[in-house]
Amino acid sequence: MDRGDLTDIRPCRAADVPLLDRHLPAPGAPTRHADRFARQQTGAGAYLVAWRAGVPVGYGQLRRDGCAAPEVRAAVPGCPEFNGLDVRADLRGLGIGTALIRAAEERSLARGHAFLGLGVGHDNPRAAALYARLGYTPVVEYTDRWRRTDAAGRVHEHADPCTFLVRRLTAPDG
């Protein structure tokens, strides 16, 4: 597949969740897509999905209420966050992640936000390089604390060292 195969980036629909589960399973977190779709349904953001030839190939969650980490909220209050970006492994490097980020930026700008932020784990230099190329600059170090429930119903707590990055948003013509 080449860049020309990208057909659409749009918010997740209920009918998309089973397709996401089939084509982009979340090992160890079987309800990831359903949970993010449910959050979208509350109006708290958008779960953006990239599609090629009718198949989901990437996704990310735009959180209008921003990052939950207190360090980030103190450093950049009111800044929406794009998180959970993932692209099918065999399609990375083709611009899908960039397209998802740009879609999140457009949505944030349309809602009157001047900035968009995202976090990157210290163990993810490839993502950090992408974000830097797109104009995101470091603002604050923080620990991303999250939990997931596995297929057996066990809850797993995670704590990942991260950097929160921010980019000023501008209209396409300026």
Protein backbone atom coordinates (compact mmCIF):
# COMPACT_ATOMS: atom_id res chain seq x y z
CA MET A 1 0.00 0.00 0.00
CA ASP A 2 1.23 3.50 -0.71
CA ARG A 3 0.11 6.89 0.53
CA GLY A 4 -2.49 7.13 -2.21
CA ASP A 5 -4.39 4.25 -0.66
CA LEU A 6 -5.39 6.33 2.39
CA THR A 7 -9.07 6.90 1.92
CA ASP A 8 -10.37 8.43 5.09
CA ILE A 9 -9.75 9.63 8.62
CA ARG A 10 -12.94 9.96 10.60
CA PRO A 11 -14.35 9.53 14.08
CA CYS A 12 -15.09 5.96 15.06
CA ARG A 13 -18.64 4.67 14.60
CA ALA A 14 -20.25 1.85 16.58
CA ALA A 15 -19.98 -0.48 13.58
CA ASP A 16 -16.22 0.23 13.42
CA VAL A 17 -15.42 -1.25 16.84
CA PRO A 18 -15.55 -4.92 15.72
CA LEU A 19 -13.43 -4.06 12.67
CA LEU A 20 -10.86 -2.34 14.89
CA ASP A 21 -10.82 -5.38 17.18
CA ARG A 22 -10.26 -7.68 14.20
CA HIS A 23 -7.68 -5.63 12.25
CA LEU A 24 -5.93 -3.74 15.08
CA PRO A 25 -6.34 -5.89 18.17
CA ALA A 26 -5.07 -4.49 21.45
CA PRO A 27 -3.25 -7.43 23.07
CA GLY A 28 -3.86 -7.43 26.79
CA ALA A 29 -6.52 -4.72 26.51
CA PRO A 30 -9.49 -6.31 24.75
CA THR A 31 -11.90 -3.43 25.40
CA ARG A 32 -9.58 -0.60 24.23
CA HIS A 33 -11.57 0.31 21.12
CA ALA A 34 -14.98 -0.02 22.80
CA ASP A 35 -13.77 2.11 25.73
CA ARG A 36 -12.47 4.86 23.46
CA PHE A 37 -15.63 4.80 21.37
CA ALA A 38 -17.70 5.09 24.59
CA ARG A 39 -15.61 8.10 25.66
CA GLN A 40 -16.26 9.70 22.27
CA GLN A 41 -19.98 9.16 22.76
CA THR A 42 -19.88 11.28 25.94
CA GLY A 43 -18.65 14.25 23.88
CA ALA A 44 -15.28 14.32 25.66
CA GLY A 45 -13.36 13.94 22.41
CA ALA A 46 -13.03 11.99 19.22
CA TYR A 47 -11.63 8.55 18.52
CA LEU A 48 -10.10 9.06 15.09
CA VAL A 49 -9.57 6.09 12.80
CA ALA A 50 -7.53 5.95 9.59
CA TRP A 51 -8.90 3.71 6.84
CA ARG A 52 -7.41 2.18 3.69
CA ALA A 53 -9.59 0.20 1.31
CA GLY A 54 -12.27 -0.19 4.00
CA VAL A 55 -9.84 -1.52 6.60
CA PRO A 56 -8.79 0.39 9.75
CA VAL A 57 -5.02 0.92 9.73
CA GLY A 58 -4.46 3.39 12.57
CA TYR A 59 -6.12 5.32 15.34
CA GLY A 60 -5.70 7.95 18.04
CA GLN A 61 -7.85 9.59 20.68
CA LEU A 62 -8.41 13.33 20.86
CA ARG A 63 -9.21 14.27 24.46
CA ARG A 64 -10.77 17.72 24.64
CA ASP A 65 -10.31 17.76 28.42
CA GLY A 66 -6.56 17.20 28.08
CA CYS A 67 -4.06 14.93 29.73
CA ALA A 68 -5.04 13.55 33.13
CA ALA A 69 -1.56 13.90 34.65
CA PRO A 70 -1.51 16.69 37.25
CA GLU A 71 1.94 17.86 36.09
CA VAL A 72 0.61 18.38 32.57
CA ARG A 73 -2.61 20.07 33.71
CA ALA A 74 -0.55 22.53 35.79
CA ALA A 75 1.88 23.27 32.95
CA VAL A 76 -0.66 23.63 30.13
CA PRO A 77 -4.18 24.07 31.55
CA GLY A 78 -6.96 23.62 29.04
CA CYS A 79 -4.72 22.08 26.36
CA PRO A 80 -6.43 19.21 24.52
CA GLU A 81 -4.41 16.03 24.10
CA PHE A 82 -4.03 13.54 21.26
CA ASN A 83 -3.08 10.19 22.73
CA GLY A 84 -2.96 6.49 22.03
CA LEU A 85 -1.69 6.99 18.48
CA ASP A 86 -1.03 3.67 16.78
CA VAL A 87 -0.56 2.61 13.17
CA ARG A 88 -0.43 -0.93 11.83
CA ALA A 89 3.23 -2.00 12.09
CA ASP A 90 3.69 -2.80 8.39
CA LEU A 91 2.38 0.65 7.39
CA ARG A 92 4.46 2.83 9.72
CA GLY A 93 6.51 5.51 7.99
CA LEU A 94 3.91 6.11 5.26
CA GLY A 95 2.37 9.26 6.75
CA ILE A 96 -0.65 7.69 8.45
CA GLY A 97 0.39 8.83 11.93
CA THR A 98 1.05 12.32 10.60
CA ALA A 99 -2.37 12.37 8.94
CA LEU A 100 -4.06 11.34 12.20
CA ILE A 101 -2.21 14.06 14.12
CA ARG A 102 -3.11 16.67 11.50
CA ALA A 103 -6.78 15.60 11.69
CA ALA A 104 -6.67 16.04 15.49
CA GLU A 105 -5.07 19.47 15.04
CA GLU A 106 -7.78 20.55 12.59
CA ARG A 107 -10.54 19.42 14.97
CA SER A 108 -8.90 21.20 17.90
CA LEU A 109 -8.42 24.41 15.93
CA ALA A 110 -12.04 24.29 14.75
CA ARG A 111 -13.14 24.15 18.41
CA GLY A 112 -11.11 27.27 19.19
CA HIS A 113 -8.04 25.70 20.78
CA ALA A 114 -4.72 27.45 20.17
CA PHE A 115 -2.59 24.43 21.12
CA LEU A 116 -2.58 20.64 20.94
CA GLY A 117 -0.46 18.43 23.15
CA LEU A 118 0.64 14.85 23.17
CA GLY A 119 2.76 12.67 25.35
CA VAL A 120 5.62 10.46 24.29
CA GLY A 121 7.19 7.70 26.32
CA HIS A 122 10.89 7.96 27.00
CA ASP A 123 11.21 4.52 25.40
CA ASN A 124 9.76 5.67 22.05
CA PRO A 125 12.42 7.68 20.16
CA ARG A 126 10.77 7.06 16.78
CA ALA A 127 7.54 8.77 17.89
CA ALA A 128 9.53 11.56 19.56
CA ALA A 129 11.33 12.22 16.26
CA LEU A 130 8.01 12.35 14.37
CA TYR A 131 6.50 14.79 16.85
CA ALA A 132 9.58 17.03 16.69
CA ARG A 133 9.38 17.06 12.87
CA LEU A 134 5.74 18.14 13.17
CA GLY A 135 6.69 21.08 15.40
CA TYR A 136 5.85 19.72 18.86
CA THR A 137 8.15 20.96 21.62
CA PRO A 138 8.71 19.55 25.12
CA VAL A 139 6.86 21.26 27.97
CA VAL A 140 6.97 18.97 31.02
CA GLU A 141 8.11 15.53 32.17
CA TYR A 142 5.42 13.38 33.79
CA THR A 143 4.45 9.83 34.61
CA ASP A 144 1.61 8.46 32.54
CA ARG A 145 -0.43 6.30 34.90
CA TRP A 146 -3.05 4.06 33.36
CA ARG A 147 -4.79 0.78 33.86
CA ARG A 148 -6.14 -1.89 31.62
CA THR A 149 -8.34 -4.89 32.17
CA ASP A 150 -7.28 -8.10 30.47
CA ALA A 151 -9.54 -10.76 28.98
CA ALA A 152 -9.68 -12.58 32.33
CA GLY A 153 -10.92 -9.42 34.06
CA ARG A 154 -7.64 -8.71 35.88
CA VAL A 155 -6.73 -5.04 36.26
CA HIS A 156 -3.13 -4.08 35.45
CA GLU A 157 -1.65 -0.76 36.60
CA HIS A 158 1.02 0.93 34.46
CA ALA A 159 3.32 3.90 35.06
CA ASP A 160 5.39 5.13 32.12
CA PRO A 161 7.88 8.04 32.19
CA CYS A 162 6.89 10.50 29.46
CA THR A 163 7.39 13.98 28.09
CA PHE A 164 4.40 16.15 27.19
CA LEU A 165 4.88 18.10 23.96
CA VAL A 166 2.81 21.00 22.64
CA ARG A 167 2.35 22.68 19.29
CA ARG A 168 0.70 26.03 18.58
CA LEU A 169 -2.06 25.54 16.04
CA THR A 170 -2.49 27.80 13.06
CA ALA A 171 -5.11 27.98 10.35
CA PRO A 172 -4.13 26.24 7.09
CA ASP A 173 -3.49 29.58 5.38
CA GLY A 174 -1.46 31.00 8.22
